[in-house]
Amino acid sequence: DLKAVKAVAADGYTVNYDLSQIEKPDVLVAYAQADGPLTEEDGAFRMVLPEEEGKLNVRMLVEIQVVQ
């Protein structure tokens, strides 16, 4: 059974999301923003949870792990 999802950034920063956070339909992994590509500060990918605080929206995303 899936218990959580872990997002890992290039600098080692990690966030563990529980199912109530990650199963929402507006959660996504972004590679661009409305006006073009992500900034260099954001990296190639960014985890986006629109209803959560900024620190939970992992920048420079390099890995997503499923925690069982």
PDB file of N, CA and C in Angstrom:
ATOM      1  N   ASP A   1       0.828  -1.195   0.000  1.00  0.00           N
ATOM      2  CA  ASP A   1       0.000   0.000   0.000  1.00  0.00           C
ATOM      3  C   ASP A   1       0.866   1.250   0.000  1.00  0.00           C
ATOM      4  N   LEU A   2       0.460   2.216  -0.786  1.00  0.00           N
ATOM      5  CA  LEU A   2       1.146   3.501  -0.847  1.00  0.00           C
ATOM      6  C   LEU A   2       0.889   4.281   0.439  1.00  0.00           C
ATOM      7  N   LYS A   3       1.970   4.754   1.071  1.00  0.00           N
ATOM      8  CA  LYS A   3       1.828   5.528   2.305  1.00  0.00           C
ATOM      9  C   LYS A   3       2.171   6.996   2.110  1.00  0.00           C
ATOM     10  N   ALA A   4       3.148   7.259   1.233  1.00  0.00           N
ATOM     11  CA  ALA A   4       3.598   8.634   1.036  1.00  0.00           C
ATOM     12  C   ALA A   4       4.384   8.722  -0.266  1.00  0.00           C
ATOM     13  N   VAL A   5       4.688   9.951  -0.658  1.00  0.00           N
ATOM     14  CA  VAL A   5       5.547  10.229  -1.799  1.00  0.00           C
ATOM     15  C   VAL A   5       6.622  11.189  -1.321  1.00  0.00           C
ATOM     16  N   LYS A   6       7.864  10.898  -1.696  1.00  0.00           N
ATOM     17  CA  LYS A   6       8.999  11.722  -1.280  1.00  0.00           C
ATOM     18  C   LYS A   6       9.577  12.418  -2.505  1.00  0.00           C
ATOM     19  N   ALA A   7       9.721  13.741  -2.433  1.00  0.00           N
ATOM     20  CA  ALA A   7      10.329  14.525  -3.503  1.00  0.00           C
ATOM     21  C   ALA A   7      11.732  14.923  -3.062  1.00  0.00           C
ATOM     22  N   VAL A   8      12.712  14.751  -3.957  1.00  0.00           N
ATOM     23  CA  VAL A   8      14.107  15.030  -3.644  1.00  0.00           C
ATOM     24  C   VAL A   8      14.634  16.087  -4.608  1.00  0.00           C
ATOM     25  N   ALA A   9      15.264  17.128  -4.057  1.00  0.00           N
ATOM     26  CA  ALA A   9      15.854  18.201  -4.857  1.00  0.00           C
ATOM     27  C   ALA A   9      17.340  17.931  -5.090  1.00  0.00           C
ATOM     28  N   ALA A  10      17.913  18.614  -6.066  1.00  0.00           N
ATOM     29  CA  ALA A  10      19.322  18.447  -6.411  1.00  0.00           C
ATOM     30  C   ALA A  10      20.256  18.757  -5.246  1.00  0.00           C
ATOM     31  N   ASP A  11      19.845  19.645  -4.360  1.00  0.00           N
ATOM     32  CA  ASP A  11      20.692  20.014  -3.218  1.00  0.00           C
ATOM     33  C   ASP A  11      20.474  19.123  -1.999  1.00  0.00           C
ATOM     34  N   GLY A  12      19.667  18.063  -2.142  1.00  0.00           N
ATOM     35  CA  GLY A  12      19.416  17.136  -1.052  1.00  0.00           C
ATOM     36  C   GLY A  12      18.176  17.439  -0.234  1.00  0.00           C
ATOM     37  N   TYR A  13      17.541  18.568  -0.478  1.00  0.00           N
ATOM     38  CA  TYR A  13      16.309  18.920   0.229  1.00  0.00           C
ATOM     39  C   TYR A  13      15.236  17.898  -0.124  1.00  0.00           C
ATOM     40  N   THR A  14      14.505  17.423   0.875  1.00  0.00           N
ATOM     41  CA  THR A  14      13.445  16.452   0.634  1.00  0.00           C
ATOM     42  C   THR A  14      12.159  16.871   1.332  1.00  0.00           C
ATOM     43  N   VAL A  15      11.056  16.457   0.752  1.00  0.00           N
ATOM     44  CA  VAL A  15       9.739  16.659   1.353  1.00  0.00           C
ATOM     45  C   VAL A  15       8.971  15.353   1.205  1.00  0.00           C
ATOM     46  N   ASN A  16       8.355  14.916   2.294  1.00  0.00           N
ATOM     47  CA  ASN A  16       7.468  13.756   2.268  1.00  0.00           C
ATOM     48  C   ASN A  16       6.033  14.248   2.247  1.00  0.00           C
ATOM     49  N   TYR A  17       5.278  13.786   1.267  1.00  0.00           N
ATOM     50  CA  TYR A  17       3.873  14.161   1.138  1.00  0.00           C
ATOM     51  C   TYR A  17       3.011  12.981   1.549  1.00  0.00           C
ATOM     52  N   ASP A  18       1.997  13.226   2.355  1.00  0.00           N
ATOM     53  CA  ASP A  18       1.062  12.145   2.654  1.00  0.00           C
ATOM     54  C   ASP A  18       0.015  12.092   1.539  1.00  0.00           C
ATOM     55  N   LEU A  19      -0.770  11.055   1.547  1.00  0.00           N
ATOM     56  CA  LEU A  19      -1.723  10.845   0.453  1.00  0.00           C
ATOM     57  C   LEU A  19      -2.720  11.978   0.302  1.00  0.00           C
ATOM     58  N   SER A  20      -3.142  12.582   1.402  1.00  0.00           N
ATOM     59  CA  SER A  20      -4.117  13.671   1.307  1.00  0.00           C
ATOM     60  C   SER A  20      -3.548  14.874   0.562  1.00  0.00           C
ATOM     61  N   GLN A  21      -2.240  15.057   0.586  1.00  0.00           N
ATOM     62  CA  GLN A  21      -1.607  16.163  -0.135  1.00  0.00           C
ATOM     63  C   GLN A  21      -1.391  15.829  -1.606  1.00  0.00           C
ATOM     64  N   ILE A  22      -0.974  14.623  -1.895  1.00  0.00           N
ATOM     65  CA  ILE A  22      -0.507  14.274  -3.233  1.00  0.00           C
ATOM     66  C   ILE A  22      -1.612  13.801  -4.175  1.00  0.00           C
ATOM     67  N   GLU A  23      -2.760  13.402  -3.655  1.00  0.00           N
ATOM     68  CA  GLU A  23      -3.826  12.868  -4.505  1.00  0.00           C
ATOM     69  C   GLU A  23      -4.767  13.930  -5.069  1.00  0.00           C
ATOM     70  N   LYS A  24      -4.511  15.185  -4.798  1.00  0.00           N
ATOM     71  CA  LYS A  24      -5.377  16.250  -5.317  1.00  0.00           C
ATOM     72  C   LYS A  24      -5.155  16.413  -6.824  1.00  0.00           C
ATOM     73  N   PRO A  25      -6.202  16.723  -7.570  1.00  0.00           N
ATOM     74  CA  PRO A  25      -6.089  16.780  -9.031  1.00  0.00           C
ATOM     75  C   PRO A  25      -5.205  17.906  -9.570  1.00  0.00           C
ATOM     76  N   ASP A  26      -4.903  18.918  -8.756  1.00  0.00           N
ATOM     77  CA  ASP A  26      -4.086  20.026  -9.249  1.00  0.00           C
ATOM     78  C   ASP A  26      -2.606  19.892  -8.907  1.00  0.00           C
ATOM     79  N   VAL A  27      -2.186  18.779  -8.310  1.00  0.00           N
ATOM     80  CA  VAL A  27      -0.775  18.525  -8.007  1.00  0.00           C
ATOM     81  C   VAL A  27      -0.080  18.104  -9.295  1.00  0.00           C
ATOM     82  N   LEU A  28       1.115  18.660  -9.541  1.00  0.00           N
ATOM     83  CA  LEU A  28       1.823  18.315 -10.767  1.00  0.00           C
ATOM     84  C   LEU A  28       3.323  18.500 -10.633  1.00  0.00           C
ATOM     85  N   VAL A  29       4.036  17.917 -11.584  1.00  0.00           N
ATOM     86  CA  VAL A  29       5.462  18.171 -11.747  1.00  0.00           C
ATOM     87  C   VAL A  29       5.569  19.114 -12.935  1.00  0.00           C
ATOM     88  N   ALA A  30       6.070  20.318 -12.671  1.00  0.00           N
ATOM     89  CA  ALA A  30       6.134  21.343 -13.716  1.00  0.00           C
ATOM     90  C   ALA A  30       7.509  21.370 -14.380  1.00  0.00           C
ATOM     91  N   TYR A  31       7.515  21.623 -15.682  1.00  0.00           N
ATOM     92  CA  TYR A  31       8.755  21.841 -16.418  1.00  0.00           C
ATOM     93  C   TYR A  31       8.741  23.221 -17.075  1.00  0.00           C
ATOM     94  N   ALA A  32       7.622  23.939 -16.910  1.00  0.00           N
ATOM     95  CA  ALA A  32       7.475  25.288 -17.459  1.00  0.00           C
ATOM     96  C   ALA A  32       6.471  26.039 -16.604  1.00  0.00           C
ATOM     97  N   GLN A  33       6.409  27.343 -16.822  1.00  0.00           N
ATOM     98  CA  GLN A  33       5.394  28.174 -16.176  1.00  0.00           C
ATOM     99  C   GLN A  33       4.635  28.917 -17.267  1.00  0.00           C
ATOM    100  N   ALA A  34       3.632  29.655 -16.922  1.00  0.00           N
ATOM    101  CA  ALA A  34       2.746  30.282 -17.909  1.00  0.00           C
ATOM    102  C   ALA A  34       3.488  31.130 -18.941  1.00  0.00           C
ATOM    103  N   ASP A  35       4.556  31.792 -18.516  1.00  0.00           N
ATOM    104  CA  ASP A  35       5.259  32.691 -19.438  1.00  0.00           C
ATOM    105  C   ASP A  35       6.534  32.093 -20.025  1.00  0.00           C
ATOM    106  N   GLY A  36       6.721  30.783 -19.899  1.00  0.00           N
ATOM    107  CA  GLY A  36       7.897  30.149 -20.491  1.00  0.00           C
ATOM    108  C   GLY A  36       8.518  29.114 -19.580  1.00  0.00           C
ATOM    109  N   PRO A  37       9.784  28.778 -19.842  1.00  0.00           N
ATOM    110  CA  PRO A  37      10.442  27.741 -19.043  1.00  0.00           C
ATOM    111  C   PRO A  37      10.644  28.169 -17.594  1.00  0.00           C
ATOM    112  N   LEU A  38      10.856  27.190 -16.726  1.00  0.00           N
ATOM    113  CA  LEU A  38      11.176  27.499 -15.339  1.00  0.00           C
ATOM    114  C   LEU A  38      12.484  28.283 -15.278  1.00  0.00           C
ATOM    115  N   THR A  39      12.643  29.029 -14.213  1.00  0.00           N
ATOM    116  CA  THR A  39      13.878  29.792 -14.039  1.00  0.00           C
ATOM    117  C   THR A  39      15.024  28.857 -13.678  1.00  0.00           C
ATOM    118  N   GLU A  40      16.234  29.342 -13.807  1.00  0.00           N
ATOM    119  CA  GLU A  40      17.404  28.560 -13.413  1.00  0.00           C
ATOM    120  C   GLU A  40      17.321  28.188 -11.933  1.00  0.00           C
ATOM    121  N   GLU A  41      16.778  29.081 -11.128  1.00  0.00           N
ATOM    122  CA  GLU A  41      16.612  28.838  -9.689  1.00  0.00           C
ATOM    123  C   GLU A  41      15.653  27.679  -9.421  1.00  0.00           C
ATOM    124  N   ASP A  42      14.638  27.515 -10.261  1.00  0.00           N
ATOM    125  CA  ASP A  42      13.667  26.430 -10.107  1.00  0.00           C
ATOM    126  C   ASP A  42      14.207  25.094 -10.604  1.00  0.00           C
ATOM    127  N   GLY A  43      15.178  25.117 -11.502  1.00  0.00           N
ATOM    128  CA  GLY A  43      15.707  23.888 -12.081  1.00  0.00           C
ATOM    129  C   GLY A  43      14.845  23.405 -13.228  1.00  0.00           C
ATOM    130  N   ALA A  44      15.139  22.209 -13.705  1.00  0.00           N
ATOM    131  CA  ALA A  44      14.411  21.664 -14.855  1.00  0.00           C
ATOM    132  C   ALA A  44      12.986  21.250 -14.501  1.00  0.00           C
ATOM    133  N   PHE A  45      12.787  20.824 -13.240  1.00  0.00           N
ATOM    134  CA  PHE A  45      11.474  20.371 -12.789  1.00  0.00           C
ATOM    135  C   PHE A  45      11.181  20.923 -11.403  1.00  0.00           C
ATOM    136  N   ARG A  46       9.895  21.082 -11.123  1.00  0.00           N
ATOM    137  CA  ARG A  46       9.461  21.568  -9.811  1.00  0.00           C
ATOM    138  C   ARG A  46       8.170  20.863  -9.424  1.00  0.00           C
ATOM    139  N   MET A  47       8.103  20.407  -8.190  1.00  0.00           N
ATOM    140  CA  MET A  47       6.883  19.805  -7.651  1.00  0.00           C
ATOM    141  C   MET A  47       5.958  20.943  -7.252  1.00  0.00           C
ATOM    142  N   VAL A  48       4.715  20.913  -7.712  1.00  0.00           N
ATOM    143  CA  VAL A  48       3.783  22.006  -7.434  1.00  0.00           C
ATOM    144  C   VAL A  48       2.529  21.463  -6.753  1.00  0.00           C
ATOM    145  N   LEU A  49       2.295  21.946  -5.544  1.00  0.00           N
ATOM    146  CA  LEU A  49       1.078  21.661  -4.787  1.00  0.00           C
ATOM    147  C   LEU A  49       0.435  23.010  -4.516  1.00  0.00           C
ATOM    148  N   PRO A  50      -0.467  23.471  -5.386  1.00  0.00           N
ATOM    149  CA  PRO A  50      -1.005  24.830  -5.305  1.00  0.00           C
ATOM    150  C   PRO A  50      -1.602  25.222  -3.955  1.00  0.00           C
ATOM    151  N   GLU A  51      -2.156  24.275  -3.221  1.00  0.00           N
ATOM    152  CA  GLU A  51      -2.793  24.609  -1.949  1.00  0.00           C
ATOM    153  C   GLU A  51      -1.830  24.573  -0.765  1.00  0.00           C
ATOM    154  N   GLU A  52      -0.558  24.254  -0.995  1.00  0.00           N
ATOM    155  CA  GLU A  52       0.415  24.123   0.088  1.00  0.00           C
ATOM    156  C   GLU A  52       1.387  25.301   0.103  1.00  0.00           C
ATOM    157  N   GLU A  53       2.104  25.439   1.224  1.00  0.00           N
ATOM    158  CA  GLU A  53       3.091  26.500   1.382  1.00  0.00           C
ATOM    159  C   GLU A  53       4.253  26.307   0.414  1.00  0.00           C
ATOM    160  N   GLY A  54       4.977  27.377   0.150  1.00  0.00           N
ATOM    161  CA  GLY A  54       6.093  27.354  -0.778  1.00  0.00           C
ATOM    162  C   GLY A  54       7.147  26.306  -0.488  1.00  0.00           C
ATOM    163  N   LYS A  55       7.453  26.074   0.790  1.00  0.00           N
ATOM    164  CA  LYS A  55       8.509  25.116   1.125  1.00  0.00           C
ATOM    165  C   LYS A  55       8.150  23.687   0.732  1.00  0.00           C
ATOM    166  N   LEU A  56       6.885  23.415   0.473  1.00  0.00           N
ATOM    167  CA  LEU A  56       6.470  22.086   0.037  1.00  0.00           C
ATOM    168  C   LEU A  56       6.499  21.936  -1.481  1.00  0.00           C
ATOM    169  N   ASN A  57       6.710  23.038  -2.193  1.00  0.00           N
ATOM    170  CA  ASN A  57       6.805  23.028  -3.650  1.00  0.00           C
ATOM    171  C   ASN A  57       8.283  22.934  -4.025  1.00  0.00           C
ATOM    172  N   VAL A  58       8.791  21.717  -4.094  1.00  0.00           N
ATOM    173  CA  VAL A  58      10.226  21.456  -4.234  1.00  0.00           C
ATOM    174  C   VAL A  58      10.747  21.933  -5.580  1.00  0.00           C
ATOM    175  N   ARG A  59      11.764  22.785  -5.523  1.00  0.00           N
ATOM    176  CA  ARG A  59      12.461  23.254  -6.732  1.00  0.00           C
ATOM    177  C   ARG A  59      13.622  22.313  -7.025  1.00  0.00           C
ATOM    178  N   MET A  60      14.153  22.375  -8.228  1.00  0.00           N
ATOM    179  CA  MET A  60      15.295  21.554  -8.647  1.00  0.00           C
ATOM    180  C   MET A  60      15.027  20.069  -8.402  1.00  0.00           C
ATOM    181  N   LEU A  61      13.803  19.636  -8.691  1.00  0.00           N
ATOM    182  CA  LEU A  61      13.370  18.258  -8.456  1.00  0.00           C
ATOM    183  C   LEU A  61      14.176  17.285  -9.311  1.00  0.00           C
ATOM    184  N   VAL A  62      14.771  16.283  -8.667  1.00  0.00           N
ATOM    185  CA  VAL A  62      15.553  15.282  -9.400  1.00  0.00           C
ATOM    186  C   VAL A  62      15.047  13.860  -9.198  1.00  0.00           C
ATOM    187  N   GLU A  63      14.205  13.653  -8.177  1.00  0.00           N
ATOM    188  CA  GLU A  63      13.749  12.294  -7.893  1.00  0.00           C
ATOM    189  C   GLU A  63      12.413  12.320  -7.160  1.00  0.00           C
ATOM    190  N   ILE A  64      11.561  11.355  -7.500  1.00  0.00           N
ATOM    191  CA  ILE A  64      10.307  11.139  -6.779  1.00  0.00           C
ATOM    192  C   ILE A  64      10.301   9.683  -6.339  1.00  0.00           C
ATOM    193  N   GLN A  65      10.123   9.468  -5.035  1.00  0.00           N
ATOM    194  CA  GLN A  65      10.116   8.115  -4.480  1.00  0.00           C
ATOM    195  C   GLN A  65       8.732   7.796  -3.931  1.00  0.00           C
ATOM    196  N   VAL A  66       8.287   6.567  -4.148  1.00  0.00           N
ATOM    197  CA  VAL A  66       7.037   6.090  -3.575  1.00  0.00           C
ATOM    198  C   VAL A  66       7.389   5.343  -2.295  1.00  0.00           C
ATOM    199  N   VAL A  67       6.758   5.735  -1.190  1.00  0.00           N
ATOM    200  CA  VAL A  67       7.021   5.120   0.108  1.00  0.00           C
ATOM    201  C   VAL A  67       5.876   4.166   0.421  1.00  0.00           C
ATOM    202  N   GLN A  68       6.223   2.915   0.660  1.00  0.00           N
ATOM    203  CA  GLN A  68       5.197   1.906   0.950  1.00  0.00           C
ATOM    204  C   GLN A  68       5.264   1.453   2.385  1.00  0.00           C
TER     205      GLN A  68
END
